[in-house]
Amino acid sequence: MGLRVVVVLAAVSLAAALPAGAGTLPAPQTLASCQLSDGSTVSGAMGCEVAGAESVALGLSPRVTLSAHIDAKPGFDTIGSVEYAFMVVGGSAGDAVPVQVDTELASSAAGNSFASAGILLSFGSSFAIPRSAARRASPGRSRSRSLRAKWGTIHLTVQAASGFPVAGAASASADPFIHIDPAFANAGLYGIVVSDGVANVPVPEPSPTLLLGLGGVALTMRRAGRGAAARG
């Protein structure tokens, strides 16, 4: 499902905002952890896997992606997180620039298992939290807030956990894209800079085949409804 967050940032000169000679925003932080039912853990900077039954995979390029998966046994809990910084550059310093964060968040779970995918945007002491979390399918929802800051951070997290007494497979994923609102009159004067080593690629649109399939299902349901009404 797609999730869109709209924030307003103040544009700033890149050279003025960063430490002299640094040339980069803070480095991205990543952590993956697989916790077993006996309490032991397996972790890694970019991923972990246990006997093919539970896994977390984090990617920063060619796009930022997080995924977590767990089967009924032997796993207990899997968590993955990625945090990195972003900044608006170009235009005139101090301008209020609308920034959109499109994030594909998905989660599914069977039995009493649990899965969630979430996003946290922070700007100093201000923050906006849109969240998508559910035991089964998660519908996307949007929340917006106007903020002014030189730069901010985006924190993504995914989790999958096996349930009790009826455990089932669970999975979660996240994929973000930060960009200037295309409806903004001066959008072409600004750009987004993210931490080194991090990609900023548009979230994939639903495929034409999927859209066609959904349209066919809706048409079939409408025809079935008309037929039932005629017979009644």
Protein backbone atom coordinates (compact mmCIF):
# COMPACT_ATOMS: atom_id res chain seq x y z
CA MET A 1 0.00 0.00 0.00
CA GLY A 2 1.19 3.53 -0.66
CA LEU A 3 1.59 6.10 2.08
CA ARG A 4 2.24 9.80 1.44
CA VAL A 5 3.43 12.29 4.04
CA VAL A 6 3.65 16.01 3.23
CA VAL A 7 5.99 18.28 5.19
CA VAL A 8 7.28 21.80 4.62
CA LEU A 9 11.01 22.38 4.92
CA ALA A 10 13.03 25.58 4.65
CA ALA A 11 15.51 25.47 1.79
CA VAL A 12 19.11 26.07 2.77
CA SER A 13 22.51 26.24 1.12
CA LEU A 14 24.13 22.80 1.36
CA ALA A 15 27.56 24.29 2.13
CA ALA A 16 26.14 26.44 4.93
CA ALA A 17 24.26 23.58 6.59
CA LEU A 18 27.02 20.98 6.75
CA PRO A 19 30.28 20.90 8.71
CA ALA A 20 33.23 22.36 6.76
CA GLY A 21 34.94 19.66 4.74
CA ALA A 22 32.37 17.02 5.57
CA GLY A 23 30.36 17.14 2.33
CA THR A 24 27.88 14.60 3.67
CA LEU A 25 24.86 14.29 5.89
CA PRO A 26 25.09 11.94 8.89
CA ALA A 27 25.82 8.37 7.85
CA PRO A 28 22.86 5.98 7.66
CA GLN A 29 22.24 3.69 10.62
CA THR A 30 21.00 0.14 10.05
CA LEU A 31 20.22 -2.80 12.30
CA ALA A 32 18.66 -6.22 11.74
CA SER A 33 17.87 -8.62 14.57
CA CYS A 34 16.41 -12.14 14.69
CA GLN A 35 15.37 -13.29 18.16
CA LEU A 36 14.76 -16.99 18.80
CA SER A 37 12.25 -18.56 21.16
CA ASP A 38 15.07 -19.52 23.55
CA GLY A 39 15.94 -15.82 23.96
CA SER A 40 19.12 -15.89 21.89
CA THR A 41 19.57 -13.40 19.05
CA VAL A 42 21.31 -13.21 15.71
CA SER A 43 21.94 -9.72 14.35
CA GLY A 44 23.76 -7.88 11.59
CA ALA A 45 24.24 -4.45 10.12
CA MET A 46 22.26 -5.24 6.96
CA GLY A 47 20.47 -8.51 7.64
CA CYS A 48 20.10 -11.79 9.52
CA GLU A 49 18.68 -15.22 8.79
CA VAL A 50 17.98 -18.29 10.92
CA ALA A 51 17.57 -21.71 9.29
CA GLY A 52 15.53 -20.23 6.47
CA ALA A 53 12.62 -19.77 8.89
CA GLU A 54 13.11 -16.12 9.79
CA SER A 55 15.00 -13.30 8.14
CA VAL A 56 15.48 -9.55 7.91
CA ALA A 57 17.04 -7.87 4.87
CA LEU A 58 17.93 -4.18 4.64
CA GLY A 59 19.01 -2.41 1.45
CA LEU A 60 20.24 1.14 0.79
CA SER A 61 20.91 0.95 -2.96
CA PRO A 62 19.73 0.82 -5.74
CA ARG A 63 16.72 1.69 -3.55
CA VAL A 64 16.05 1.77 0.18
CA THR A 65 14.16 -1.41 1.05
CA LEU A 66 13.40 -3.23 4.28
CA SER A 67 11.82 -6.66 4.58
CA ALA A 68 11.17 -9.03 7.46
CA HIS A 69 9.77 -12.55 7.32
CA ILE A 70 9.07 -15.27 9.87
CA ASP A 71 7.55 -18.75 9.67
CA ALA A 72 5.68 -20.50 12.47
CA LYS A 73 8.86 -22.19 13.77
CA PRO A 74 11.49 -21.82 15.19
CA GLY A 75 11.47 -18.05 15.25
CA PHE A 76 10.05 -15.66 17.78
CA ASP A 77 10.70 -12.10 16.57
CA THR A 78 12.46 -10.23 13.74
CA ILE A 79 13.08 -6.49 13.52
CA GLY A 80 14.85 -4.34 10.96
CA SER A 81 15.45 -0.56 10.98
CA VAL A 82 17.09 2.04 8.75
CA GLU A 83 17.62 5.72 9.62
CA TYR A 84 19.18 8.39 7.41
CA ALA A 85 19.14 12.15 6.87
CA PHE A 86 17.73 14.27 4.03
CA MET A 87 17.89 17.96 3.10
CA VAL A 88 16.26 20.43 0.71
CA VAL A 89 18.79 22.32 -1.43
CA GLY A 90 18.54 25.06 -4.06
CA GLY A 91 16.36 28.14 -4.46
CA SER A 92 16.47 30.84 -1.80
CA ALA A 93 17.45 30.18 1.80
CA GLY A 94 14.46 30.33 4.14
CA ASP A 95 11.83 29.52 1.50
CA ALA A 96 9.08 27.17 2.67
CA VAL A 97 9.21 24.17 0.34
CA PRO A 98 6.61 21.38 0.40
CA VAL A 99 8.30 17.97 0.55
CA GLN A 100 6.49 14.70 -0.01
CA VAL A 101 7.56 11.33 1.35
CA ASP A 102 5.97 8.47 -0.54
CA THR A 103 6.40 5.18 1.28
CA GLU A 104 5.19 1.75 0.30
CA LEU A 105 4.41 -0.03 3.58
CA ALA A 106 3.06 -3.58 3.60
CA SER A 107 2.40 -6.19 6.26
CA SER A 108 0.61 -9.53 6.41
CA ALA A 109 0.27 -12.27 9.03
CA ALA A 110 -1.54 -15.58 9.56
CA GLY A 111 -2.78 -17.19 12.75
CA ASN A 112 -1.84 -15.17 15.82
CA SER A 113 1.39 -13.92 14.28
CA PHE A 114 2.09 -10.21 13.91
CA ALA A 115 3.68 -7.95 11.29
CA SER A 116 4.11 -4.18 11.04
CA ALA A 117 5.85 -1.55 8.92
CA GLY A 118 6.27 2.06 10.07
CA ILE A 119 7.89 5.40 9.28
CA LEU A 120 8.99 8.23 11.57
CA LEU A 121 10.04 11.68 10.30
CA SER A 122 11.89 13.95 12.72
CA PHE A 123 12.98 17.60 12.55
CA GLY A 124 14.75 18.62 15.73
CA SER A 125 12.07 18.79 18.43
CA SER A 126 9.20 18.43 15.91
CA PHE A 127 8.04 15.21 14.33
CA ALA A 128 5.22 13.65 12.36
CA ILE A 129 4.34 9.98 12.73
CA PRO A 130 2.31 8.17 10.09
CA ARG A 131 2.06 4.46 10.80
CA SER A 132 0.68 1.37 9.14
CA ALA A 133 0.46 -1.74 11.31
CA ALA A 134 -1.88 -4.71 11.27
CA ARG A 135 -2.00 -8.43 11.85
CA ARG A 136 -3.08 -9.00 8.27
CA ALA A 137 -3.24 -6.56 5.34
CA SER A 138 -2.51 -2.90 6.13
CA PRO A 139 -4.34 -0.14 4.24
CA GLY A 140 -2.20 2.93 3.60
CA ARG A 141 -3.18 6.22 5.19
CA SER A 142 -1.77 9.72 5.03
CA ARG A 143 -1.07 12.34 7.66
CA SER A 144 0.46 15.75 6.98
CA ARG A 145 2.02 18.48 9.07
CA SER A 146 3.72 21.75 8.14
CA LEU A 147 7.23 22.02 9.53
CA ARG A 148 10.21 24.29 8.97
CA ALA A 149 13.71 22.89 9.34
CA LYS A 150 17.06 22.82 7.54
CA TRP A 151 17.18 19.05 7.43
CA GLY A 152 15.49 16.04 8.92
CA THR A 153 15.79 12.32 9.40
CA ILE A 154 13.64 9.45 8.24
CA HIS A 155 13.44 6.27 10.30
CA LEU A 156 11.89 3.12 8.85
CA THR A 157 11.17 -0.07 10.75
CA VAL A 158 9.70 -3.48 9.96
CA GLN A 159 8.79 -6.30 12.33
CA ALA A 160 7.46 -9.83 12.05
CA ALA A 161 6.73 -12.06 15.05
CA SER A 162 5.29 -15.57 15.43
CA GLY A 163 2.18 -15.87 17.58
CA PHE A 164 1.00 -18.27 20.26
CA PRO A 165 -0.71 -20.71 20.42
CA VAL A 166 -1.55 -20.53 16.70
CA ALA A 167 1.52 -19.28 14.84
CA GLY A 168 1.66 -18.54 11.14
CA ALA A 169 3.88 -16.91 8.58
CA ALA A 170 4.28 -13.12 8.81
CA SER A 171 6.05 -10.54 6.67
CA ALA A 172 6.52 -6.78 6.41
CA SER A 173 8.27 -4.41 4.00
CA ALA A 174 8.98 -0.69 3.51
CA ASP A 175 10.24 1.40 0.57
CA PRO A 176 10.42 5.26 0.79
CA PHE A 177 10.92 8.12 -1.72
CA ILE A 178 11.52 11.76 -0.68
CA HIS A 179 10.81 14.48 -3.26
CA ILE A 180 9.59 18.04 -3.81
CA ASP A 181 5.84 18.33 -4.30
CA PRO A 182 5.45 18.53 -8.11
CA ALA A 183 2.47 20.90 -7.65
CA PHE A 184 4.80 23.49 -6.06
CA ALA A 185 5.27 26.39 -8.52
CA ASN A 186 9.06 26.50 -8.03
CA ALA A 187 9.62 22.76 -7.67
CA GLY A 188 12.28 22.80 -10.40
CA LEU A 189 14.51 25.11 -8.34
CA TYR A 190 14.93 22.63 -5.49
CA GLY A 191 16.28 19.17 -4.92
CA ILE A 192 16.69 16.56 -2.20
CA VAL A 193 20.04 15.41 -0.81
CA VAL A 194 20.21 12.24 1.28
CA SER A 195 22.98 10.58 3.30
CA ASP A 196 25.86 9.13 1.28
CA GLY A 197 25.29 5.59 0.08
CA VAL A 198 21.51 5.93 0.26
CA ALA A 199 19.35 5.83 -2.85
CA ASN A 200 16.24 7.99 -3.34
CA VAL A 201 14.19 6.20 -5.98
CA PRO A 202 10.44 6.62 -6.65
CA VAL A 203 8.15 4.04 -5.11
CA PRO A 204 6.91 1.71 -7.88
CA GLU A 205 3.43 2.40 -9.22
CA PRO A 206 0.95 -0.51 -9.41
CA SER A 207 1.50 -2.45 -12.61
CA PRO A 208 -1.03 -2.04 -15.49
CA THR A 209 -1.67 -5.77 -15.29
CA LEU A 210 -2.66 -5.51 -11.62
CA LEU A 211 -4.88 -2.50 -12.28
CA LEU A 212 -6.53 -4.31 -15.19
CA GLY A 213 -7.10 -7.35 -13.00
CA LEU A 214 -8.72 -5.28 -10.25
CA GLY A 215 -10.92 -3.57 -12.83
CA GLY A 216 -12.02 -6.93 -14.18
CA VAL A 217 -12.96 -8.12 -10.69
CA ALA A 218 -15.02 -4.97 -10.08
CA LEU A 219 -16.80 -5.36 -13.43
CA THR A 220 -17.60 -9.00 -12.69
CA MET A 221 -19.00 -8.08 -9.27
CA ARG A 222 -21.20 -5.35 -10.79
CA ARG A 223 -22.55 -7.77 -13.42
CA ALA A 224 -23.23 -10.39 -10.75
CA GLY A 225 -25.10 -7.80 -8.69
CA ARG A 226 -27.28 -6.77 -11.64
CA GLY A 227 -28.02 -10.40 -12.42
CA ALA A 228 -29.11 -11.11 -8.85
CA ALA A 229 -31.34 -8.03 -8.86
CA ALA A 230 -32.99 -9.11 -12.14
CA ARG A 231 -33.68 -12.59 -10.77
CA GLY A 232 -35.13 -11.08 -7.57
